[in-house]
C-alpha cells in the first residue's frame, strides 16, 4: 500500500536468492 501511494506505477519484483535456494528442500 505504501509503495502504491508513493508513485504512479510500481515495479513489483522478487529476487531469487541462490544461497537460500540451495538451503531449501
PDBML (XML) file of the C-alpha atoms, coordinates in Angstrom:
<?xml version="1.0" encoding="UTF-8" ?>
<PDBx:datablock datablockName="MODEL"
   xmlns:PDBx="http://pdbml.pdb.org/schema/pdbx-v50.xsd"
   xmlns:xsi="http://www.w3.org/2001/XMLSchema-instance"
   xsi:schemaLocation="http://pdbml.pdb.org/schema/pdbx-v50.xsd pdbx-v50.xsd">
   <PDBx:atom_siteCategory>
      <PDBx:atom_site id="1">
         <PDBx:B_iso_or_equiv>0.00</PDBx:B_iso_or_equiv>
         <PDBx:Cartn_x>0.000</PDBx:Cartn_x>
         <PDBx:Cartn_y>0.000</PDBx:Cartn_y>
         <PDBx:Cartn_z>0.000</PDBx:Cartn_z>
         <PDBx:auth_asym_id>A</PDBx:auth_asym_id>
         <PDBx:auth_atom_id>CA</PDBx:auth_atom_id>
         <PDBx:auth_comp_id>UNK</PDBx:auth_comp_id>
         <PDBx:auth_seq_id>1</PDBx:auth_seq_id>
         <PDBx:group_PDB>ATOM</PDBx:group_PDB>
         <PDBx:label_alt_id xsi:nil="true" />
         <PDBx:label_asym_id>A</PDBx:label_asym_id>
         <PDBx:label_atom_id>CA</PDBx:label_atom_id>
         <PDBx:label_comp_id>UNK</PDBx:label_comp_id>
         <PDBx:label_entity_id>1</PDBx:label_entity_id>
         <PDBx:label_seq_id>1</PDBx:label_seq_id>
         <PDBx:occupancy>1.00</PDBx:occupancy>
         <PDBx:pdbx_PDB_model_num>1</PDBx:pdbx_PDB_model_num>
         <PDBx:type_symbol>C</PDBx:type_symbol>
      </PDBx:atom_site>
      <PDBx:atom_site id="2">
         <PDBx:B_iso_or_equiv>0.00</PDBx:B_iso_or_equiv>
         <PDBx:Cartn_x>2.845</PDBx:Cartn_x>
         <PDBx:Cartn_y>2.401</PDBx:Cartn_y>
         <PDBx:Cartn_z>0.827</PDBx:Cartn_z>
         <PDBx:auth_asym_id>A</PDBx:auth_asym_id>
         <PDBx:auth_atom_id>CA</PDBx:auth_atom_id>
         <PDBx:auth_comp_id>UNK</PDBx:auth_comp_id>
         <PDBx:auth_seq_id>2</PDBx:auth_seq_id>
         <PDBx:group_PDB>ATOM</PDBx:group_PDB>
         <PDBx:label_alt_id xsi:nil="true" />
         <PDBx:label_asym_id>A</PDBx:label_asym_id>
         <PDBx:label_atom_id>CA</PDBx:label_atom_id>
         <PDBx:label_comp_id>UNK</PDBx:label_comp_id>
         <PDBx:label_entity_id>1</PDBx:label_entity_id>
         <PDBx:label_seq_id>2</PDBx:label_seq_id>
         <PDBx:occupancy>1.00</PDBx:occupancy>
         <PDBx:pdbx_PDB_model_num>1</PDBx:pdbx_PDB_model_num>
         <PDBx:type_symbol>C</PDBx:type_symbol>
      </PDBx:atom_site>
      <PDBx:atom_site id="3">
         <PDBx:B_iso_or_equiv>0.00</PDBx:B_iso_or_equiv>
         <PDBx:Cartn_x>4.547</PDBx:Cartn_x>
         <PDBx:Cartn_y>1.656</PDBx:Cartn_y>
         <PDBx:Cartn_z>-2.482</PDBx:Cartn_z>
         <PDBx:auth_asym_id>A</PDBx:auth_asym_id>
         <PDBx:auth_atom_id>CA</PDBx:auth_atom_id>
         <PDBx:auth_comp_id>UNK</PDBx:auth_comp_id>
         <PDBx:auth_seq_id>3</PDBx:auth_seq_id>
         <PDBx:group_PDB>ATOM</PDBx:group_PDB>
         <PDBx:label_alt_id xsi:nil="true" />
         <PDBx:label_asym_id>A</PDBx:label_asym_id>
         <PDBx:label_atom_id>CA</PDBx:label_atom_id>
         <PDBx:label_comp_id>UNK</PDBx:label_comp_id>
         <PDBx:label_entity_id>1</PDBx:label_entity_id>
         <PDBx:label_seq_id>3</PDBx:label_seq_id>
         <PDBx:occupancy>1.00</PDBx:occupancy>
         <PDBx:pdbx_PDB_model_num>1</PDBx:pdbx_PDB_model_num>
         <PDBx:type_symbol>C</PDBx:type_symbol>
      </PDBx:atom_site>
      <PDBx:atom_site id="4">
         <PDBx:B_iso_or_equiv>0.00</PDBx:B_iso_or_equiv>
         <PDBx:Cartn_x>1.308</PDBx:Cartn_x>
         <PDBx:Cartn_y>2.246</PDBx:Cartn_y>
         <PDBx:Cartn_z>-4.404</PDBx:Cartn_z>
         <PDBx:auth_asym_id>A</PDBx:auth_asym_id>
         <PDBx:auth_atom_id>CA</PDBx:auth_atom_id>
         <PDBx:auth_comp_id>UNK</PDBx:auth_comp_id>
         <PDBx:auth_seq_id>4</PDBx:auth_seq_id>
         <PDBx:group_PDB>ATOM</PDBx:group_PDB>
         <PDBx:label_alt_id xsi:nil="true" />
         <PDBx:label_asym_id>A</PDBx:label_asym_id>
         <PDBx:label_atom_id>CA</PDBx:label_atom_id>
         <PDBx:label_comp_id>UNK</PDBx:label_comp_id>
         <PDBx:label_entity_id>1</PDBx:label_entity_id>
         <PDBx:label_seq_id>4</PDBx:label_seq_id>
         <PDBx:occupancy>1.00</PDBx:occupancy>
         <PDBx:pdbx_PDB_model_num>1</PDBx:pdbx_PDB_model_num>
         <PDBx:type_symbol>C</PDBx:type_symbol>
      </PDBx:atom_site>
      <PDBx:atom_site id="5">
         <PDBx:B_iso_or_equiv>0.00</PDBx:B_iso_or_equiv>
         <PDBx:Cartn_x>0.587</PDBx:Cartn_x>
         <PDBx:Cartn_y>5.536</PDBx:Cartn_y>
         <PDBx:Cartn_z>-2.623</PDBx:Cartn_z>
         <PDBx:auth_asym_id>A</PDBx:auth_asym_id>
         <PDBx:auth_atom_id>CA</PDBx:auth_atom_id>
         <PDBx:auth_comp_id>UNK</PDBx:auth_comp_id>
         <PDBx:auth_seq_id>5</PDBx:auth_seq_id>
         <PDBx:group_PDB>ATOM</PDBx:group_PDB>
         <PDBx:label_alt_id xsi:nil="true" />
         <PDBx:label_asym_id>A</PDBx:label_asym_id>
         <PDBx:label_atom_id>CA</PDBx:label_atom_id>
         <PDBx:label_comp_id>UNK</PDBx:label_comp_id>
         <PDBx:label_entity_id>1</PDBx:label_entity_id>
         <PDBx:label_seq_id>5</PDBx:label_seq_id>
         <PDBx:occupancy>1.00</PDBx:occupancy>
         <PDBx:pdbx_PDB_model_num>1</PDBx:pdbx_PDB_model_num>
         <PDBx:type_symbol>C</PDBx:type_symbol>
      </PDBx:atom_site>
      <PDBx:atom_site id="6">
         <PDBx:B_iso_or_equiv>0.00</PDBx:B_iso_or_equiv>
         <PDBx:Cartn_x>4.094</PDBx:Cartn_x>
         <PDBx:Cartn_y>6.853</PDBx:Cartn_y>
         <PDBx:Cartn_z>-3.268</PDBx:Cartn_z>
         <PDBx:auth_asym_id>A</PDBx:auth_asym_id>
         <PDBx:auth_atom_id>CA</PDBx:auth_atom_id>
         <PDBx:auth_comp_id>UNK</PDBx:auth_comp_id>
         <PDBx:auth_seq_id>6</PDBx:auth_seq_id>
         <PDBx:group_PDB>ATOM</PDBx:group_PDB>
         <PDBx:label_alt_id xsi:nil="true" />
         <PDBx:label_asym_id>A</PDBx:label_asym_id>
         <PDBx:label_atom_id>CA</PDBx:label_atom_id>
         <PDBx:label_comp_id>UNK</PDBx:label_comp_id>
         <PDBx:label_entity_id>1</PDBx:label_entity_id>
         <PDBx:label_seq_id>6</PDBx:label_seq_id>
         <PDBx:occupancy>1.00</PDBx:occupancy>
         <PDBx:pdbx_PDB_model_num>1</PDBx:pdbx_PDB_model_num>
         <PDBx:type_symbol>C</PDBx:type_symbol>
      </PDBx:atom_site>
      <PDBx:atom_site id="7">
         <PDBx:B_iso_or_equiv>0.00</PDBx:B_iso_or_equiv>
         <PDBx:Cartn_x>4.027</PDBx:Cartn_x>
         <PDBx:Cartn_y>6.709</PDBx:Cartn_y>
         <PDBx:Cartn_z>-7.048</PDBx:Cartn_z>
         <PDBx:auth_asym_id>A</PDBx:auth_asym_id>
         <PDBx:auth_atom_id>CA</PDBx:auth_atom_id>
         <PDBx:auth_comp_id>UNK</PDBx:auth_comp_id>
         <PDBx:auth_seq_id>7</PDBx:auth_seq_id>
         <PDBx:group_PDB>ATOM</PDBx:group_PDB>
         <PDBx:label_alt_id xsi:nil="true" />
         <PDBx:label_asym_id>A</PDBx:label_asym_id>
         <PDBx:label_atom_id>CA</PDBx:label_atom_id>
         <PDBx:label_comp_id>UNK</PDBx:label_comp_id>
         <PDBx:label_entity_id>1</PDBx:label_entity_id>
         <PDBx:label_seq_id>7</PDBx:label_seq_id>
         <PDBx:occupancy>1.00</PDBx:occupancy>
         <PDBx:pdbx_PDB_model_num>1</PDBx:pdbx_PDB_model_num>
         <PDBx:type_symbol>C</PDBx:type_symbol>
      </PDBx:atom_site>
      <PDBx:atom_site id="8">
         <PDBx:B_iso_or_equiv>0.00</PDBx:B_iso_or_equiv>
         <PDBx:Cartn_x>2.101</PDBx:Cartn_x>
         <PDBx:Cartn_y>6.371</PDBx:Cartn_y>
         <PDBx:Cartn_z>-10.302</PDBx:Cartn_z>
         <PDBx:auth_asym_id>A</PDBx:auth_asym_id>
         <PDBx:auth_atom_id>CA</PDBx:auth_atom_id>
         <PDBx:auth_comp_id>UNK</PDBx:auth_comp_id>
         <PDBx:auth_seq_id>8</PDBx:auth_seq_id>
         <PDBx:group_PDB>ATOM</PDBx:group_PDB>
         <PDBx:label_alt_id xsi:nil="true" />
         <PDBx:label_asym_id>A</PDBx:label_asym_id>
         <PDBx:label_atom_id>CA</PDBx:label_atom_id>
         <PDBx:label_comp_id>UNK</PDBx:label_comp_id>
         <PDBx:label_entity_id>1</PDBx:label_entity_id>
         <PDBx:label_seq_id>8</PDBx:label_seq_id>
         <PDBx:occupancy>1.00</PDBx:occupancy>
         <PDBx:pdbx_PDB_model_num>1</PDBx:pdbx_PDB_model_num>
         <PDBx:type_symbol>C</PDBx:type_symbol>
      </PDBx:atom_site>
      <PDBx:atom_site id="9">
         <PDBx:B_iso_or_equiv>0.00</PDBx:B_iso_or_equiv>
         <PDBx:Cartn_x>3.333</PDBx:Cartn_x>
         <PDBx:Cartn_y>2.873</PDBx:Cartn_y>
         <PDBx:Cartn_z>-11.067</PDBx:Cartn_z>
         <PDBx:auth_asym_id>A</PDBx:auth_asym_id>
         <PDBx:auth_atom_id>CA</PDBx:auth_atom_id>
         <PDBx:auth_comp_id>UNK</PDBx:auth_comp_id>
         <PDBx:auth_seq_id>9</PDBx:auth_seq_id>
         <PDBx:group_PDB>ATOM</PDBx:group_PDB>
         <PDBx:label_alt_id xsi:nil="true" />
         <PDBx:label_asym_id>A</PDBx:label_asym_id>
         <PDBx:label_atom_id>CA</PDBx:label_atom_id>
         <PDBx:label_comp_id>UNK</PDBx:label_comp_id>
         <PDBx:label_entity_id>1</PDBx:label_entity_id>
         <PDBx:label_seq_id>9</PDBx:label_seq_id>
         <PDBx:occupancy>1.00</PDBx:occupancy>
         <PDBx:pdbx_PDB_model_num>1</PDBx:pdbx_PDB_model_num>
         <PDBx:type_symbol>C</PDBx:type_symbol>
      </PDBx:atom_site>
      <PDBx:atom_site id="10">
         <PDBx:B_iso_or_equiv>0.00</PDBx:B_iso_or_equiv>
         <PDBx:Cartn_x>5.023</PDBx:Cartn_x>
         <PDBx:Cartn_y>0.184</PDBx:Cartn_y>
         <PDBx:Cartn_z>-9.019</PDBx:Cartn_z>
         <PDBx:auth_asym_id>A</PDBx:auth_asym_id>
         <PDBx:auth_atom_id>CA</PDBx:auth_atom_id>
         <PDBx:auth_comp_id>UNK</PDBx:auth_comp_id>
         <PDBx:auth_seq_id>10</PDBx:auth_seq_id>
         <PDBx:group_PDB>ATOM</PDBx:group_PDB>
         <PDBx:label_alt_id xsi:nil="true" />
         <PDBx:label_asym_id>A</PDBx:label_asym_id>
         <PDBx:label_atom_id>CA</PDBx:label_atom_id>
         <PDBx:label_comp_id>UNK</PDBx:label_comp_id>
         <PDBx:label_entity_id>1</PDBx:label_entity_id>
         <PDBx:label_seq_id>10</PDBx:label_seq_id>
         <PDBx:occupancy>1.00</PDBx:occupancy>
         <PDBx:pdbx_PDB_model_num>1</PDBx:pdbx_PDB_model_num>
         <PDBx:type_symbol>C</PDBx:type_symbol>
      </PDBx:atom_site>
      <PDBx:atom_site id="11">
         <PDBx:B_iso_or_equiv>0.00</PDBx:B_iso_or_equiv>
         <PDBx:Cartn_x>7.702</PDBx:Cartn_x>
         <PDBx:Cartn_y>-2.240</PDBx:Cartn_y>
         <PDBx:Cartn_z>-10.142</PDBx:Cartn_z>
         <PDBx:auth_asym_id>A</PDBx:auth_asym_id>
         <PDBx:auth_atom_id>CA</PDBx:auth_atom_id>
         <PDBx:auth_comp_id>UNK</PDBx:auth_comp_id>
         <PDBx:auth_seq_id>11</PDBx:auth_seq_id>
         <PDBx:group_PDB>ATOM</PDBx:group_PDB>
         <PDBx:label_alt_id xsi:nil="true" />
         <PDBx:label_asym_id>A</PDBx:label_asym_id>
         <PDBx:label_atom_id>CA</PDBx:label_atom_id>
         <PDBx:label_comp_id>UNK</PDBx:label_comp_id>
         <PDBx:label_entity_id>1</PDBx:label_entity_id>
         <PDBx:label_seq_id>11</PDBx:label_seq_id>
         <PDBx:occupancy>1.00</PDBx:occupancy>
         <PDBx:pdbx_PDB_model_num>1</PDBx:pdbx_PDB_model_num>
         <PDBx:type_symbol>C</PDBx:type_symbol>
      </PDBx:atom_site>
      <PDBx:atom_site id="12">
         <PDBx:B_iso_or_equiv>0.00</PDBx:B_iso_or_equiv>
         <PDBx:Cartn_x>6.867</PDBx:Cartn_x>
         <PDBx:Cartn_y>-5.499</PDBx:Cartn_y>
         <PDBx:Cartn_z>-8.361</PDBx:Cartn_z>
         <PDBx:auth_asym_id>A</PDBx:auth_asym_id>
         <PDBx:auth_atom_id>CA</PDBx:auth_atom_id>
         <PDBx:auth_comp_id>UNK</PDBx:auth_comp_id>
         <PDBx:auth_seq_id>12</PDBx:auth_seq_id>
         <PDBx:group_PDB>ATOM</PDBx:group_PDB>
         <PDBx:label_alt_id xsi:nil="true" />
         <PDBx:label_asym_id>A</PDBx:label_asym_id>
         <PDBx:label_atom_id>CA</PDBx:label_atom_id>
         <PDBx:label_comp_id>UNK</PDBx:label_comp_id>
         <PDBx:label_entity_id>1</PDBx:label_entity_id>
         <PDBx:label_seq_id>12</PDBx:label_seq_id>
         <PDBx:occupancy>1.00</PDBx:occupancy>
         <PDBx:pdbx_PDB_model_num>1</PDBx:pdbx_PDB_model_num>
         <PDBx:type_symbol>C</PDBx:type_symbol>
      </PDBx:atom_site>
      <PDBx:atom_site id="13">
         <PDBx:B_iso_or_equiv>0.00</PDBx:B_iso_or_equiv>
         <PDBx:Cartn_x>9.891</PDBx:Cartn_x>
         <PDBx:Cartn_y>-7.767</PDBx:Cartn_y>
         <PDBx:Cartn_z>-8.044</PDBx:Cartn_z>
         <PDBx:auth_asym_id>A</PDBx:auth_asym_id>
         <PDBx:auth_atom_id>CA</PDBx:auth_atom_id>
         <PDBx:auth_comp_id>UNK</PDBx:auth_comp_id>
         <PDBx:auth_seq_id>13</PDBx:auth_seq_id>
         <PDBx:group_PDB>ATOM</PDBx:group_PDB>
         <PDBx:label_alt_id xsi:nil="true" />
         <PDBx:label_asym_id>A</PDBx:label_asym_id>
         <PDBx:label_atom_id>CA</PDBx:label_atom_id>
         <PDBx:label_comp_id>UNK</PDBx:label_comp_id>
         <PDBx:label_entity_id>1</PDBx:label_entity_id>
         <PDBx:label_seq_id>13</PDBx:label_seq_id>
         <PDBx:occupancy>1.00</PDBx:occupancy>
         <PDBx:pdbx_PDB_model_num>1</PDBx:pdbx_PDB_model_num>
         <PDBx:type_symbol>C</PDBx:type_symbol>
      </PDBx:atom_site>
      <PDBx:atom_site id="14">
         <PDBx:B_iso_or_equiv>0.00</PDBx:B_iso_or_equiv>
         <PDBx:Cartn_x>11.005</PDBx:Cartn_x>
         <PDBx:Cartn_y>-10.982</PDBx:Cartn_y>
         <PDBx:Cartn_z>-6.406</PDBx:Cartn_z>
         <PDBx:auth_asym_id>A</PDBx:auth_asym_id>
         <PDBx:auth_atom_id>CA</PDBx:auth_atom_id>
         <PDBx:auth_comp_id>UNK</PDBx:auth_comp_id>
         <PDBx:auth_seq_id>14</PDBx:auth_seq_id>
         <PDBx:group_PDB>ATOM</PDBx:group_PDB>
         <PDBx:label_alt_id xsi:nil="true" />
         <PDBx:label_asym_id>A</PDBx:label_asym_id>
         <PDBx:label_atom_id>CA</PDBx:label_atom_id>
         <PDBx:label_comp_id>UNK</PDBx:label_comp_id>
         <PDBx:label_entity_id>1</PDBx:label_entity_id>
         <PDBx:label_seq_id>14</PDBx:label_seq_id>
         <PDBx:occupancy>1.00</PDBx:occupancy>
         <PDBx:pdbx_PDB_model_num>1</PDBx:pdbx_PDB_model_num>
         <PDBx:type_symbol>C</PDBx:type_symbol>
      </PDBx:atom_site>
      <PDBx:atom_site id="15">
         <PDBx:B_iso_or_equiv>0.00</PDBx:B_iso_or_equiv>
         <PDBx:Cartn_x>14.735</PDBx:Cartn_x>
         <PDBx:Cartn_y>-11.718</PDBx:Cartn_y>
         <PDBx:Cartn_z>-6.419</PDBx:Cartn_z>
         <PDBx:auth_asym_id>A</PDBx:auth_asym_id>
         <PDBx:auth_atom_id>CA</PDBx:auth_atom_id>
         <PDBx:auth_comp_id>UNK</PDBx:auth_comp_id>
         <PDBx:auth_seq_id>15</PDBx:auth_seq_id>
         <PDBx:group_PDB>ATOM</PDBx:group_PDB>
         <PDBx:label_alt_id xsi:nil="true" />
         <PDBx:label_asym_id>A</PDBx:label_asym_id>
         <PDBx:label_atom_id>CA</PDBx:label_atom_id>
         <PDBx:label_comp_id>UNK</PDBx:label_comp_id>
         <PDBx:label_entity_id>1</PDBx:label_entity_id>
         <PDBx:label_seq_id>15</PDBx:label_seq_id>
         <PDBx:occupancy>1.00</PDBx:occupancy>
         <PDBx:pdbx_PDB_model_num>1</PDBx:pdbx_PDB_model_num>
         <PDBx:type_symbol>C</PDBx:type_symbol>
      </PDBx:atom_site>
      <PDBx:atom_site id="16">
         <PDBx:B_iso_or_equiv>0.00</PDBx:B_iso_or_equiv>
         <PDBx:Cartn_x>15.727</PDBx:Cartn_x>
         <PDBx:Cartn_y>-15.368</PDBx:Cartn_y>
         <PDBx:Cartn_z>-6.326</PDBx:Cartn_z>
         <PDBx:auth_asym_id>A</PDBx:auth_asym_id>
         <PDBx:auth_atom_id>CA</PDBx:auth_atom_id>
         <PDBx:auth_comp_id>UNK</PDBx:auth_comp_id>
         <PDBx:auth_seq_id>16</PDBx:auth_seq_id>
         <PDBx:group_PDB>ATOM</PDBx:group_PDB>
         <PDBx:label_alt_id xsi:nil="true" />
         <PDBx:label_asym_id>A</PDBx:label_asym_id>
         <PDBx:label_atom_id>CA</PDBx:label_atom_id>
         <PDBx:label_comp_id>UNK</PDBx:label_comp_id>
         <PDBx:label_entity_id>1</PDBx:label_entity_id>
         <PDBx:label_seq_id>16</PDBx:label_seq_id>
         <PDBx:occupancy>1.00</PDBx:occupancy>
         <PDBx:pdbx_PDB_model_num>1</PDBx:pdbx_PDB_model_num>
         <PDBx:type_symbol>C</PDBx:type_symbol>
      </PDBx:atom_site>
      <PDBx:atom_site id="17">
         <PDBx:B_iso_or_equiv>0.00</PDBx:B_iso_or_equiv>
         <PDBx:Cartn_x>18.429</PDBx:Cartn_x>
         <PDBx:Cartn_y>-15.847</PDBx:Cartn_y>
         <PDBx:Cartn_z>-3.697</PDBx:Cartn_z>
         <PDBx:auth_asym_id>A</PDBx:auth_asym_id>
         <PDBx:auth_atom_id>CA</PDBx:auth_atom_id>
         <PDBx:auth_comp_id>UNK</PDBx:auth_comp_id>
         <PDBx:auth_seq_id>17</PDBx:auth_seq_id>
         <PDBx:group_PDB>ATOM</PDBx:group_PDB>
         <PDBx:label_alt_id xsi:nil="true" />
         <PDBx:label_asym_id>A</PDBx:label_asym_id>
         <PDBx:label_atom_id>CA</PDBx:label_atom_id>
         <PDBx:label_comp_id>UNK</PDBx:label_comp_id>
         <PDBx:label_entity_id>1</PDBx:label_entity_id>
         <PDBx:label_seq_id>17</PDBx:label_seq_id>
         <PDBx:occupancy>1.00</PDBx:occupancy>
         <PDBx:pdbx_PDB_model_num>1</PDBx:pdbx_PDB_model_num>
         <PDBx:type_symbol>C</PDBx:type_symbol>
      </PDBx:atom_site>
      <PDBx:atom_site id="18">
         <PDBx:B_iso_or_equiv>0.00</PDBx:B_iso_or_equiv>
         <PDBx:Cartn_x>20.795</PDBx:Cartn_x>
         <PDBx:Cartn_y>-18.670</PDBx:Cartn_y>
         <PDBx:Cartn_z>-4.646</PDBx:Cartn_z>
         <PDBx:auth_asym_id>A</PDBx:auth_asym_id>
         <PDBx:auth_atom_id>CA</PDBx:auth_atom_id>
         <PDBx:auth_comp_id>UNK</PDBx:auth_comp_id>
         <PDBx:auth_seq_id>18</PDBx:auth_seq_id>
         <PDBx:group_PDB>ATOM</PDBx:group_PDB>
         <PDBx:label_alt_id xsi:nil="true" />
         <PDBx:label_asym_id>A</PDBx:label_asym_id>
         <PDBx:label_atom_id>CA</PDBx:label_atom_id>
         <PDBx:label_comp_id>UNK</PDBx:label_comp_id>
         <PDBx:label_entity_id>1</PDBx:label_entity_id>
         <PDBx:label_seq_id>18</PDBx:label_seq_id>
         <PDBx:occupancy>1.00</PDBx:occupancy>
         <PDBx:pdbx_PDB_model_num>1</PDBx:pdbx_PDB_model_num>
         <PDBx:type_symbol>C</PDBx:type_symbol>
      </PDBx:atom_site>
      <PDBx:atom_site id="19">
         <PDBx:B_iso_or_equiv>0.00</PDBx:B_iso_or_equiv>
         <PDBx:Cartn_x>22.041</PDBx:Cartn_x>
         <PDBx:Cartn_y>-19.130</PDBx:Cartn_y>
         <PDBx:Cartn_z>-1.088</PDBx:Cartn_z>
         <PDBx:auth_asym_id>A</PDBx:auth_asym_id>
         <PDBx:auth_atom_id>CA</PDBx:auth_atom_id>
         <PDBx:auth_comp_id>UNK</PDBx:auth_comp_id>
         <PDBx:auth_seq_id>19</PDBx:auth_seq_id>
         <PDBx:group_PDB>ATOM</PDBx:group_PDB>
         <PDBx:label_alt_id xsi:nil="true" />
         <PDBx:label_asym_id>A</PDBx:label_asym_id>
         <PDBx:label_atom_id>CA</PDBx:label_atom_id>
         <PDBx:label_comp_id>UNK</PDBx:label_comp_id>
         <PDBx:label_entity_id>1</PDBx:label_entity_id>
         <PDBx:label_seq_id>19</PDBx:label_seq_id>
         <PDBx:occupancy>1.00</PDBx:occupancy>
         <PDBx:pdbx_PDB_model_num>1</PDBx:pdbx_PDB_model_num>
         <PDBx:type_symbol>C</PDBx:type_symbol>
      </PDBx:atom_site>
      <PDBx:atom_site id="20">
         <PDBx:B_iso_or_equiv>0.00</PDBx:B_iso_or_equiv>
         <PDBx:Cartn_x>18.534</PDBx:Cartn_x>
         <PDBx:Cartn_y>-19.603</PDBx:Cartn_y>
         <PDBx:Cartn_z>0.261</PDBx:Cartn_z>
         <PDBx:auth_asym_id>A</PDBx:auth_asym_id>
         <PDBx:auth_atom_id>CA</PDBx:auth_atom_id>
         <PDBx:auth_comp_id>UNK</PDBx:auth_comp_id>
         <PDBx:auth_seq_id>20</PDBx:auth_seq_id>
         <PDBx:group_PDB>ATOM</PDBx:group_PDB>
         <PDBx:label_alt_id xsi:nil="true" />
         <PDBx:label_asym_id>A</PDBx:label_asym_id>
         <PDBx:label_atom_id>CA</PDBx:label_atom_id>
         <PDBx:label_comp_id>UNK</PDBx:label_comp_id>
         <PDBx:label_entity_id>1</PDBx:label_entity_id>
         <PDBx:label_seq_id>20</PDBx:label_seq_id>
         <PDBx:occupancy>1.00</PDBx:occupancy>
         <PDBx:pdbx_PDB_model_num>1</PDBx:pdbx_PDB_model_num>
         <PDBx:type_symbol>C</PDBx:type_symbol>
      </PDBx:atom_site>
      <PDBx:atom_site id="21">
         <PDBx:B_iso_or_equiv>0.00</PDBx:B_iso_or_equiv>
         <PDBx:Cartn_x>17.508</PDBx:Cartn_x>
         <PDBx:Cartn_y>-21.820</PDBx:Cartn_y>
         <PDBx:Cartn_z>-2.647</PDBx:Cartn_z>
         <PDBx:auth_asym_id>A</PDBx:auth_asym_id>
         <PDBx:auth_atom_id>CA</PDBx:auth_atom_id>
         <PDBx:auth_comp_id>UNK</PDBx:auth_comp_id>
         <PDBx:auth_seq_id>21</PDBx:auth_seq_id>
         <PDBx:group_PDB>ATOM</PDBx:group_PDB>
         <PDBx:label_alt_id xsi:nil="true" />
         <PDBx:label_asym_id>A</PDBx:label_asym_id>
         <PDBx:label_atom_id>CA</PDBx:label_atom_id>
         <PDBx:label_comp_id>UNK</PDBx:label_comp_id>
         <PDBx:label_entity_id>1</PDBx:label_entity_id>
         <PDBx:label_seq_id>21</PDBx:label_seq_id>
         <PDBx:occupancy>1.00</PDBx:occupancy>
         <PDBx:pdbx_PDB_model_num>1</PDBx:pdbx_PDB_model_num>
         <PDBx:type_symbol>C</PDBx:type_symbol>
      </PDBx:atom_site>
      <PDBx:atom_site id="22">
         <PDBx:B_iso_or_equiv>0.00</PDBx:B_iso_or_equiv>
         <PDBx:Cartn_x>20.498</PDBx:Cartn_x>
         <PDBx:Cartn_y>-24.091</PDBx:Cartn_y>
         <PDBx:Cartn_z>-2.115</PDBx:Cartn_z>
         <PDBx:auth_asym_id>A</PDBx:auth_asym_id>
         <PDBx:auth_atom_id>CA</PDBx:auth_atom_id>
         <PDBx:auth_comp_id>UNK</PDBx:auth_comp_id>
         <PDBx:auth_seq_id>22</PDBx:auth_seq_id>
         <PDBx:group_PDB>ATOM</PDBx:group_PDB>
         <PDBx:label_alt_id xsi:nil="true" />
         <PDBx:label_asym_id>A</PDBx:label_asym_id>
         <PDBx:label_atom_id>CA</PDBx:label_atom_id>
         <PDBx:label_comp_id>UNK</PDBx:label_comp_id>
         <PDBx:label_entity_id>1</PDBx:label_entity_id>
         <PDBx:label_seq_id>22</PDBx:label_seq_id>
         <PDBx:occupancy>1.00</PDBx:occupancy>
         <PDBx:pdbx_PDB_model_num>1</PDBx:pdbx_PDB_model_num>
         <PDBx:type_symbol>C</PDBx:type_symbol>
      </PDBx:atom_site>
      <PDBx:atom_site id="23">
         <PDBx:B_iso_or_equiv>0.00</PDBx:B_iso_or_equiv>
         <PDBx:Cartn_x>19.494</PDBx:Cartn_x>
         <PDBx:Cartn_y>-24.483</PDBx:Cartn_y>
         <PDBx:Cartn_z>1.534</PDBx:Cartn_z>
         <PDBx:auth_asym_id>A</PDBx:auth_asym_id>
         <PDBx:auth_atom_id>CA</PDBx:auth_atom_id>
         <PDBx:auth_comp_id>UNK</PDBx:auth_comp_id>
         <PDBx:auth_seq_id>23</PDBx:auth_seq_id>
         <PDBx:group_PDB>ATOM</PDBx:group_PDB>
         <PDBx:label_alt_id xsi:nil="true" />
         <PDBx:label_asym_id>A</PDBx:label_asym_id>
         <PDBx:label_atom_id>CA</PDBx:label_atom_id>
         <PDBx:label_comp_id>UNK</PDBx:label_comp_id>
         <PDBx:label_entity_id>1</PDBx:label_entity_id>
         <PDBx:label_seq_id>23</PDBx:label_seq_id>
         <PDBx:occupancy>1.00</PDBx:occupancy>
         <PDBx:pdbx_PDB_model_num>1</PDBx:pdbx_PDB_model_num>
         <PDBx:type_symbol>C</PDBx:type_symbol>
      </PDBx:atom_site>
      <PDBx:atom_site id="24">
         <PDBx:B_iso_or_equiv>0.00</PDBx:B_iso_or_equiv>
         <PDBx:Cartn_x>15.841</PDBx:Cartn_x>
         <PDBx:Cartn_y>-25.236</PDBx:Cartn_y>
         <PDBx:Cartn_z>0.755</PDBx:Cartn_z>
         <PDBx:auth_asym_id>A</PDBx:auth_asym_id>
         <PDBx:auth_atom_id>CA</PDBx:auth_atom_id>
         <PDBx:auth_comp_id>UNK</PDBx:auth_comp_id>
         <PDBx:auth_seq_id>24</PDBx:auth_seq_id>
         <PDBx:group_PDB>ATOM</PDBx:group_PDB>
         <PDBx:label_alt_id xsi:nil="true" />
         <PDBx:label_asym_id>A</PDBx:label_asym_id>
         <PDBx:label_atom_id>CA</PDBx:label_atom_id>
         <PDBx:label_comp_id>UNK</PDBx:label_comp_id>
         <PDBx:label_entity_id>1</PDBx:label_entity_id>
         <PDBx:label_seq_id>24</PDBx:label_seq_id>
         <PDBx:occupancy>1.00</PDBx:occupancy>
         <PDBx:pdbx_PDB_model_num>1</PDBx:pdbx_PDB_model_num>
         <PDBx:type_symbol>C</PDBx:type_symbol>
      </PDBx:atom_site>
      <PDBx:atom_site id="25">
         <PDBx:B_iso_or_equiv>0.00</PDBx:B_iso_or_equiv>
         <PDBx:Cartn_x>14.358</PDBx:Cartn_x>
         <PDBx:Cartn_y>-28.718</PDBx:Cartn_y>
         <PDBx:Cartn_z>0.391</PDBx:Cartn_z>
         <PDBx:auth_asym_id>A</PDBx:auth_asym_id>
         <PDBx:auth_atom_id>CA</PDBx:auth_atom_id>
         <PDBx:auth_comp_id>UNK</PDBx:auth_comp_id>
         <PDBx:auth_seq_id>25</PDBx:auth_seq_id>
         <PDBx:group_PDB>ATOM</PDBx:group_PDB>
         <PDBx:label_alt_id xsi:nil="true" />
         <PDBx:label_asym_id>A</PDBx:label_asym_id>
         <PDBx:label_atom_id>CA</PDBx:label_atom_id>
         <PDBx:label_comp_id>UNK</PDBx:label_comp_id>
         <PDBx:label_entity_id>1</PDBx:label_entity_id>
         <PDBx:label_seq_id>25</PDBx:label_seq_id>
         <PDBx:occupancy>1.00</PDBx:occupancy>
         <PDBx:pdbx_PDB_model_num>1</PDBx:pdbx_PDB_model_num>
         <PDBx:type_symbol>C</PDBx:type_symbol>
      </PDBx:atom_site>
   </PDBx:atom_siteCategory>
</PDBx:datablock>
